[in-house]
Amino acid sequence: MSYLEWAESQLAEIELLTSMFPTREELEITDQLALAELRDYVEGSASTDCPPPSRPHFLIKQKLDTASMERTDVILSCTYPSEYPSVLPEITLRCADLSRAQQTQLHTDLNAYLMENCMGEVCVLSAVEWVKDNLQLFINKSLSAAPTPKKESSSPRPQETFSRLWIYSHHIYNKTKRKNILEWSKELGLSGFSMPGKPGIVCVEGLHSACEEFWSRVKVLTWKKIMIRHREDFPLDGQCGDNRTVESIDSRRKFTGFEEAMFDPHGNRGNHMDLGQLYQFLNEKGCCEIFQMYFGIEGR
């Protein structure tokens, strides 16, 4: 790729991030001049054929729900090298609930994941989703190292959460994987759908613990690329074991049961789906906004 092609990819990703994180509390571009120079270079209004020396830098600020505390603030500091996405972006993480050593390890593991799964592709959204998926593990380690408080005998049972995971895969072809997805969702009481082909899409919804168990099984299979593109969490009425919880779960569901959905397969191997039909399917389920999260464009 040329410097111009790299710059075009960078600008396109920044514009996508800006649409997904529209407020300054979510996305802060720290050097507007660098962004303006990048845009001038891409649009051909710059007076040089060389990429601008100043590099775009921005902060993505997330407030993440974790099992151990209500909200955890995480900041991803991102800088684009001139050759990005052919090389990884410079990403650092800040989280007050982690020690410096844990933040360093989290950063190391994130880079290893991006190196293995995202090299050559824009990957900031993948980095954000990976942090969402893995932050709890590092917080658990931090809590296990701290003294354990005495349990109160009269403490109430924890409130359950309803979750919906939107999973993206580079492709889903393998019949065994497709069978596992169907069987595991049924075993865990999850509703949703899977769309095989390229790309592959899986949505599961149900109890938070069941969704996490499904994801832990699926992600360890051999994939070219797989990630949670988006997740939704809702507190349920009542507590674990209450009849009201079952009723609350069913009221939150957008899907009845779990199915493998095919949308007019075409292509040489029949591995491409009609995305227009996928959009209509999501729209009927009240999930049309997910289409833009997956593909970066509005459906019709």
Protein backbone atom coordinates (compact mmCIF):
# COMPACT_ATOMS: atom_id res chain seq x y z
CA MET A 1 0.00 0.00 0.00
CA SER A 2 1.05 3.59 -0.55
CA TYR A 3 1.15 6.36 2.04
CA LEU A 4 -2.00 7.80 0.47
CA GLU A 5 -3.87 4.51 0.84
CA TRP A 6 -2.75 4.23 4.45
CA ALA A 7 -3.90 7.81 5.07
CA GLU A 8 -7.29 7.08 3.48
CA SER A 9 -7.78 4.09 5.81
CA GLN A 10 -6.80 6.22 8.82
CA LEU A 11 -9.22 9.00 7.95
CA ALA A 12 -12.05 6.55 7.27
CA GLU A 13 -11.53 4.90 10.66
CA ILE A 14 -11.47 8.23 12.50
CA GLU A 15 -14.73 9.22 10.83
CA LEU A 16 -16.28 5.87 11.82
CA LEU A 17 -15.06 6.27 15.41
CA THR A 18 -16.46 9.80 15.52
CA SER A 19 -19.88 8.51 14.46
CA MET A 20 -19.81 5.72 17.04
CA PHE A 21 -18.45 7.88 19.89
CA PRO A 22 -20.03 11.28 19.13
CA THR A 23 -19.32 13.12 22.40
CA ARG A 24 -16.08 14.46 23.82
CA GLU A 25 -16.71 12.31 26.89
CA GLU A 26 -16.34 9.25 24.61
CA LEU A 27 -13.81 10.35 21.98
CA GLU A 28 -11.37 13.22 22.31
CA ILE A 29 -9.16 14.14 19.35
CA THR A 30 -6.23 15.84 21.05
CA ASP A 31 -4.63 17.34 17.94
CA GLN A 32 -7.18 18.82 15.54
CA LEU A 33 -4.39 20.26 13.38
CA ALA A 34 -2.96 16.80 12.72
CA LEU A 35 -6.43 15.59 11.70
CA ALA A 36 -6.90 18.58 9.39
CA GLU A 37 -3.52 17.93 7.76
CA LEU A 38 -4.41 14.26 7.28
CA ARG A 39 -7.70 15.22 5.63
CA ASP A 40 -5.97 17.75 3.34
CA TYR A 41 -3.46 15.09 2.32
CA VAL A 42 -6.18 12.56 1.50
CA GLU A 43 -8.30 15.07 -0.38
CA GLY A 44 -5.32 16.26 -2.41
CA SER A 45 -5.33 19.84 -1.17
CA ALA A 46 -2.00 19.49 0.62
CA SER A 47 1.03 20.98 -1.17
CA THR A 48 3.19 17.88 -0.68
CA ASP A 49 3.11 14.26 -1.78
CA CYS A 50 4.55 13.14 1.55
CA PRO A 51 2.30 12.28 4.51
CA PRO A 52 2.04 15.02 7.12
CA PRO A 53 4.66 14.74 9.89
CA SER A 54 2.16 15.33 12.70
CA ARG A 55 0.22 12.19 13.53
CA PRO A 56 -3.43 11.94 14.64
CA HIS A 57 -3.81 11.21 18.34
CA PHE A 58 -7.07 10.62 20.19
CA LEU A 59 -8.48 9.22 23.42
CA ILE A 60 -11.35 6.73 23.59
CA LYS A 61 -12.99 6.90 27.01
CA GLN A 62 -15.13 4.00 28.16
CA LYS A 63 -17.18 3.42 31.30
CA LEU A 64 -17.41 -0.36 31.52
CA ASP A 65 -19.68 -2.43 33.72
CA THR A 66 -17.82 -5.19 35.56
CA ALA A 67 -18.98 -7.90 37.93
CA SER A 68 -16.89 -6.54 40.79
CA MET A 69 -17.94 -2.87 40.61
CA GLU A 70 -20.61 -0.74 38.94
CA ARG A 71 -18.50 1.30 36.52
CA THR A 72 -14.84 1.23 35.62
CA ASP A 73 -13.22 4.06 33.66
CA VAL A 74 -10.83 2.98 30.91
CA ILE A 75 -9.00 5.27 28.50
CA LEU A 76 -7.35 4.06 25.30
CA SER A 77 -4.76 6.52 24.00
CA CYS A 78 -4.21 5.96 20.26
CA THR A 79 -1.66 7.37 17.82
CA TYR A 80 -1.43 6.44 14.13
CA PRO A 81 2.01 5.75 12.63
CA SER A 82 2.27 6.86 8.99
CA GLU A 83 2.17 3.20 7.83
CA TYR A 84 -0.95 2.24 9.83
CA PRO A 85 -2.80 -0.10 9.21
CA SER A 86 0.15 -2.03 7.77
CA VAL A 87 1.67 -1.64 11.24
CA LEU A 88 -0.16 -1.55 14.55
CA PRO A 89 -1.27 1.75 16.05
CA GLU A 90 0.40 2.96 19.22
CA ILE A 91 -2.14 2.20 21.94
CA THR A 92 -1.72 2.68 25.67
CA LEU A 93 -4.29 1.91 28.38
CA ARG A 94 -5.16 3.74 31.57
CA CYS A 95 -7.41 2.26 34.24
CA ALA A 96 -7.34 3.48 37.84
CA ASP A 97 -8.67 0.12 39.10
CA LEU A 98 -5.55 -1.69 37.87
CA SER A 99 -2.01 -1.50 39.16
CA ARG A 100 0.73 -0.22 36.88
CA ALA A 101 2.00 -3.78 36.40
CA GLN A 102 -1.49 -4.99 35.44
CA GLN A 103 -1.95 -2.13 32.98
CA THR A 104 1.38 -3.06 31.40
CA GLN A 105 0.33 -6.71 31.12
CA LEU A 106 -3.07 -5.74 29.72
CA HIS A 107 -1.32 -3.60 27.11
CA THR A 108 1.07 -6.45 26.23
CA ASP A 109 -1.77 -8.95 25.82
CA LEU A 110 -3.75 -6.47 23.72
CA ASN A 111 -0.83 -5.94 21.34
CA ALA A 112 -0.35 -9.70 21.05
CA TYR A 113 -4.02 -10.09 20.15
CA LEU A 114 -3.92 -7.32 17.55
CA MET A 115 -0.68 -8.67 16.07
CA GLU A 116 -2.25 -12.10 15.62
CA ASN A 117 -5.72 -11.10 14.46
CA CYS A 118 -5.73 -7.59 13.01
CA MET A 119 -2.41 -6.93 11.25
CA GLY A 120 -3.01 -5.07 8.01
CA GLU A 121 -6.52 -3.96 9.02
CA VAL A 122 -7.83 -0.95 10.92
CA CYS A 123 -8.17 -2.26 14.45
CA VAL A 124 -9.03 0.41 17.01
CA LEU A 125 -12.59 -0.89 17.41
CA SER A 126 -11.19 -4.40 17.80
CA ALA A 127 -8.92 -3.07 20.55
CA VAL A 128 -11.86 -1.46 22.36
CA GLU A 129 -13.90 -4.67 22.19
CA TRP A 130 -10.96 -6.78 23.36
CA VAL A 131 -10.50 -4.55 26.40
CA LYS A 132 -14.22 -4.85 27.20
CA ASP A 133 -13.95 -8.65 27.02
CA ASN A 134 -10.76 -9.00 29.05
CA LEU A 135 -10.74 -6.20 31.62
CA GLN A 136 -12.71 -8.26 34.15
CA LEU A 137 -9.97 -10.91 34.20
CA PHE A 138 -7.37 -8.34 35.27
CA ILE A 139 -9.69 -6.80 37.86
CA ASN A 140 -10.33 -10.27 39.29
CA LYS A 141 -6.57 -10.76 39.67
CA SER A 142 -6.34 -7.42 41.46
CA LEU A 143 -9.15 -8.37 43.84
CA SER A 144 -7.72 -11.83 44.54
CA ALA A 145 -4.46 -10.19 45.65
CA ALA A 146 -6.32 -7.97 48.14
CA PRO A 147 -7.50 -9.12 51.59
CA THR A 148 -10.88 -10.85 51.41
CA PRO A 149 -13.55 -9.01 53.41
CA LYS A 150 -15.73 -10.98 55.81
CA LYS A 151 -18.99 -12.11 54.27
CA GLU A 152 -22.23 -11.00 55.85
CA SER A 153 -24.48 -13.96 56.53
CA SER A 154 -27.59 -11.97 55.65
CA SER A 155 -26.29 -10.56 52.35
CA PRO A 156 -28.89 -10.76 49.54
CA ARG A 157 -28.39 -12.89 46.48
CA PRO A 158 -26.89 -11.00 43.53
CA GLN A 159 -29.14 -9.51 40.89
CA GLU A 160 -28.96 -11.26 37.53
CA THR A 161 -28.30 -9.51 34.22
CA PHE A 162 -29.70 -10.11 30.75
CA SER A 163 -27.07 -9.86 28.00
CA ARG A 164 -27.03 -9.78 24.22
CA LEU A 165 -23.73 -10.40 22.41
CA TRP A 166 -23.18 -9.45 18.76
CA ILE A 167 -20.25 -11.54 17.54
CA TYR A 168 -18.34 -10.93 14.30
CA SER A 169 -16.15 -13.49 12.55
CA HIS A 170 -14.11 -13.13 9.36
CA HIS A 171 -16.03 -16.17 8.12
CA ILE A 172 -18.00 -19.18 9.35
CA TYR A 173 -17.74 -22.12 6.96
CA ASN A 174 -16.84 -25.16 9.05
CA LYS A 175 -19.82 -27.49 9.59
CA THR A 176 -18.56 -28.58 13.01
CA LYS A 177 -18.37 -24.99 14.23
CA ARG A 178 -21.84 -24.29 12.88
CA LYS A 179 -23.14 -27.37 14.70
CA ASN A 180 -21.39 -26.33 17.93
CA ILE A 181 -22.95 -22.87 17.78
CA LEU A 182 -26.44 -24.33 17.41
CA GLU A 183 -25.97 -26.99 20.11
CA TRP A 184 -24.28 -24.71 22.66
CA SER A 185 -26.91 -22.00 22.32
CA LYS A 186 -29.66 -24.59 22.91
CA GLU A 187 -27.80 -26.13 25.85
CA LEU A 188 -27.33 -22.73 27.53
CA GLY A 189 -30.89 -21.53 26.94
CA LEU A 190 -29.87 -18.74 24.58
CA SER A 191 -31.92 -17.25 21.76
CA GLY A 192 -30.60 -15.44 18.69
CA PHE A 193 -29.22 -16.47 15.32
CA SER A 194 -26.05 -17.27 13.40
CA MET A 195 -25.32 -16.29 9.80
CA PRO A 196 -22.66 -18.50 8.20
CA GLY A 197 -20.53 -17.39 5.28
CA LYS A 198 -18.24 -14.40 4.90
CA PRO A 199 -18.51 -12.50 7.14
CA GLY A 200 -20.00 -14.66 9.87
CA ILE A 201 -22.37 -13.16 12.41
CA VAL A 202 -23.67 -14.65 15.66
CA CYS A 203 -26.09 -13.07 18.12
CA VAL A 204 -26.86 -14.73 21.44
CA GLU A 205 -29.10 -13.38 24.19
CA GLY A 206 -30.06 -14.65 27.61
CA LEU A 207 -28.62 -14.73 31.12
CA HIS A 208 -25.29 -12.93 31.34
CA SER A 209 -23.55 -16.02 32.75
CA ALA A 210 -24.86 -18.20 29.89
CA CYS A 211 -23.73 -15.67 27.25
CA GLU A 212 -20.27 -15.51 28.81
CA GLU A 213 -20.05 -19.31 28.85
CA PHE A 214 -21.06 -19.44 25.18
CA TRP A 215 -18.40 -16.84 24.28
CA SER A 216 -15.71 -18.66 26.29
CA ARG A 217 -16.39 -21.84 24.28
CA VAL A 218 -16.64 -20.20 20.86
CA LYS A 219 -13.62 -17.90 21.04
CA VAL A 220 -11.13 -20.73 21.72
CA LEU A 221 -12.01 -22.47 18.45
CA THR A 222 -9.68 -21.84 15.52
CA TRP A 223 -10.70 -18.62 13.78
CA LYS A 224 -9.02 -16.26 11.36
CA LYS A 225 -10.71 -13.45 13.28
CA ILE A 226 -13.51 -13.37 15.83
CA MET A 227 -14.62 -10.66 18.24
CA ILE A 228 -17.59 -9.28 20.15
CA ARG A 229 -18.56 -6.30 18.01
CA HIS A 230 -21.20 -5.04 20.46
CA ARG A 231 -22.81 -6.10 23.72
CA GLU A 232 -25.96 -5.08 25.56
CA ASP A 233 -26.55 -5.65 29.29
CA PHE A 234 -29.77 -5.07 31.20
CA PRO A 235 -30.47 -5.61 34.93
CA LEU A 236 -33.39 -7.96 35.47
CA ASP A 237 -36.31 -7.51 37.83
CA GLY A 238 -36.01 -9.73 40.90
CA GLN A 239 -33.01 -11.76 42.00
CA CYS A 240 -31.44 -15.04 40.91
CA GLY A 241 -33.98 -17.85 41.20
CA ASP A 242 -37.09 -15.63 41.38
CA ASN A 243 -39.96 -16.42 39.01
CA ARG A 244 -39.97 -12.76 38.03
CA THR A 245 -36.47 -13.22 36.62
CA VAL A 246 -37.70 -15.78 34.06
CA GLU A 247 -40.50 -13.45 33.01
CA SER A 248 -38.07 -10.53 32.80
CA ILE A 249 -35.69 -12.56 30.61
CA ASP A 250 -38.45 -13.43 28.14
CA SER A 251 -39.58 -9.81 27.97
CA ARG A 252 -36.07 -8.75 26.97
CA ARG A 253 -35.64 -11.25 24.16
CA LYS A 254 -35.74 -10.03 20.57
CA PHE A 255 -35.50 -13.55 19.13
CA THR A 256 -37.57 -16.70 19.64
CA GLY A 257 -35.24 -19.66 19.99
CA PHE A 258 -31.96 -19.88 18.09
CA GLU A 259 -31.64 -20.45 14.35
CA GLU A 260 -29.08 -20.50 11.58
CA ALA A 261 -30.22 -17.74 9.21
CA MET A 262 -29.45 -17.83 5.48
CA PHE A 263 -30.09 -14.84 3.23
CA ASP A 264 -30.01 -15.82 -0.47
CA PRO A 265 -26.50 -17.43 -0.48
CA HIS A 266 -24.51 -16.59 -3.61
CA GLY A 267 -20.95 -16.48 -4.92
CA ASN A 268 -18.73 -19.28 -6.23
CA ARG A 269 -18.95 -21.21 -2.97
CA GLY A 270 -22.35 -19.93 -1.92
CA ASN A 271 -20.67 -18.23 1.02
CA HIS A 272 -21.92 -14.67 0.61
CA MET A 273 -25.26 -13.54 1.96
CA ASP A 274 -27.61 -10.82 0.73
CA LEU A 275 -26.89 -8.03 3.21
CA GLY A 276 -30.08 -6.24 2.23
CA GLN A 277 -32.07 -9.23 3.46
CA LEU A 278 -29.96 -9.32 6.62
CA TYR A 279 -30.84 -5.67 7.26
CA GLN A 280 -34.54 -6.38 6.80
CA PHE A 281 -34.26 -9.33 9.20
CA LEU A 282 -32.57 -7.14 11.84
CA ASN A 283 -35.09 -4.37 11.26
CA GLU A 284 -37.99 -6.78 11.87
CA LYS A 285 -36.36 -7.77 15.17
CA GLY A 286 -35.87 -4.15 16.21
CA CYS A 287 -32.08 -4.34 15.83
CA CYS A 288 -31.43 -2.39 12.60
CA GLU A 289 -28.85 -0.12 14.28
CA ILE A 290 -26.57 -3.15 14.63
CA PHE A 291 -26.13 -3.26 10.85
CA GLN A 292 -24.12 -0.03 10.87
CA MET A 293 -21.98 -1.30 13.76
CA TYR A 294 -21.04 -4.35 11.71
CA PHE A 295 -20.57 -2.79 8.31
CA GLY A 296 -20.09 0.94 8.93
CA ILE A 297 -22.97 1.87 6.63
CA GLU A 298 -26.69 2.40 7.07
CA GLY A 299 -28.91 -0.35 5.74
CA ARG A 300 -31.86 0.08 3.42
